[in-house]
């Protein structure tokens, strides 16, 4: 179920790393790591968690930069699954940044 704008805003007030697109359908954030190996370690941890959750991010990586976008395609917007994955991503980034 797609979350309401109010639900997303309440969550984002606590997890303010994330940018919500104007349509309210995606969360995104750019993570900047010192080295490629840090970025790749981060991506590996996120990939394993995403597989367990059966919910996969859209992302790109260039050297130490990782751009992530989260949405639930089959629901057409942001769902609780996106928030759950975003919280995991935040926790892993804090360890490596």
Protein backbone atom coordinates (compact mmCIF):
# COMPACT_ATOMS: atom_id res chain seq x y z
CA UNK A 1 0.00 0.00 0.00
CA UNK A 2 1.37 3.40 -1.01
CA UNK A 3 1.98 5.68 1.96
CA UNK A 4 0.29 9.05 2.23
CA UNK A 5 2.22 12.28 1.88
CA UNK A 6 1.70 12.85 5.61
CA UNK A 7 3.12 9.42 6.53
CA UNK A 8 6.17 10.00 4.34
CA UNK A 9 6.73 13.49 5.79
CA UNK A 10 6.49 12.16 9.37
CA UNK A 11 9.03 9.45 8.61
CA UNK A 12 11.32 11.87 6.78
CA UNK A 13 11.29 14.28 9.72
CA UNK A 14 13.29 11.64 11.59
CA UNK A 15 15.19 10.22 8.61
CA UNK A 16 16.01 13.49 6.90
CA UNK A 17 18.81 12.11 4.70
CA UNK A 18 16.30 11.26 2.03
CA UNK A 19 14.81 13.47 -0.67
CA UNK A 20 11.23 12.81 -1.71
CA UNK A 21 10.56 13.62 -5.36
CA UNK A 22 7.82 16.22 -6.10
CA UNK A 23 5.30 13.51 -7.02
CA UNK A 24 5.96 11.75 -3.69
CA UNK A 25 6.78 8.46 -5.41
CA UNK A 26 10.51 8.01 -4.71
CA UNK A 27 13.08 8.46 -1.97
CA UNK A 28 16.63 9.23 -3.01
CA UNK A 29 20.00 9.98 -1.48
CA UNK A 30 23.62 10.30 -2.54
CA UNK A 31 26.21 8.68 -0.29
CA UNK A 32 29.84 9.81 -0.61
CA UNK A 33 32.50 7.41 0.62
CA UNK A 34 36.24 8.04 0.77
CA UNK A 35 37.16 5.09 -1.42
CA UNK A 36 35.65 2.71 -3.93
CA UNK A 37 36.14 -0.22 -1.54
CA UNK A 38 34.03 1.55 1.09
CA UNK A 39 31.28 2.20 -1.44
CA UNK A 40 31.42 -1.37 -2.68
CA UNK A 41 31.32 -2.78 0.87
CA UNK A 42 28.27 -0.62 1.54
CA UNK A 43 26.58 -1.76 -1.66
CA UNK A 44 27.29 -5.40 -0.84
CA UNK A 45 25.67 -5.09 2.59
CA UNK A 46 22.66 -3.31 1.08
CA UNK A 47 22.37 -5.90 -1.70
CA UNK A 48 22.25 -8.77 0.79
CA UNK A 49 19.60 -7.02 2.90
CA UNK A 50 17.59 -6.11 -0.21
CA UNK A 51 17.61 -9.73 -1.29
CA UNK A 52 16.35 -10.85 2.14
CA UNK A 53 13.60 -8.23 1.96
CA UNK A 54 12.88 -9.06 -1.69
CA UNK A 55 12.98 -5.32 -2.32
CA UNK A 56 15.76 -3.92 -4.49
CA UNK A 57 17.02 -0.36 -4.88
CA UNK A 58 17.72 1.50 -8.07
CA UNK A 59 21.31 2.66 -7.78
CA UNK A 60 24.47 3.78 -9.46
CA UNK A 61 28.06 3.80 -8.31
CA UNK A 62 31.00 5.89 -9.44
CA UNK A 63 34.16 5.43 -7.38
CA UNK A 64 33.10 6.45 -3.84
CA UNK A 65 29.68 7.80 -4.78
CA UNK A 66 26.51 5.71 -4.48
CA UNK A 67 23.20 7.20 -5.63
CA UNK A 68 20.15 5.31 -4.40
CA UNK A 69 16.52 5.65 -5.35
CA UNK A 70 13.78 3.69 -3.60
CA UNK A 71 10.22 3.08 -4.77
CA UNK A 72 7.84 0.15 -4.89
CA UNK A 73 7.18 -0.19 -8.60
CA UNK A 74 4.24 -2.58 -8.37
CA UNK A 75 2.49 -0.27 -5.88
CA UNK A 76 3.31 2.90 -7.80
CA UNK A 77 5.00 4.80 -4.99
CA UNK A 78 6.63 4.72 -1.58
CA UNK A 79 5.57 1.92 0.74
CA UNK A 80 6.64 0.64 4.15
CA UNK A 81 9.11 -1.64 2.35
CA UNK A 82 10.97 1.41 1.05
CA UNK A 83 11.16 2.92 4.51
CA UNK A 84 12.41 -0.35 5.98
CA UNK A 85 15.16 -0.61 3.38
CA UNK A 86 16.04 3.09 3.77
CA UNK A 87 16.50 2.63 7.51
CA UNK A 88 18.81 -0.33 6.92
CA UNK A 89 20.76 1.69 4.34
CA UNK A 90 21.17 4.55 6.82
CA UNK A 91 22.49 2.21 9.50
CA UNK A 92 25.08 0.71 7.14
CA UNK A 93 26.17 4.10 5.84
CA UNK A 94 26.78 5.38 9.37
CA UNK A 95 29.26 2.57 9.98
CA UNK A 96 31.26 3.28 6.82
CA UNK A 97 31.09 7.07 6.50
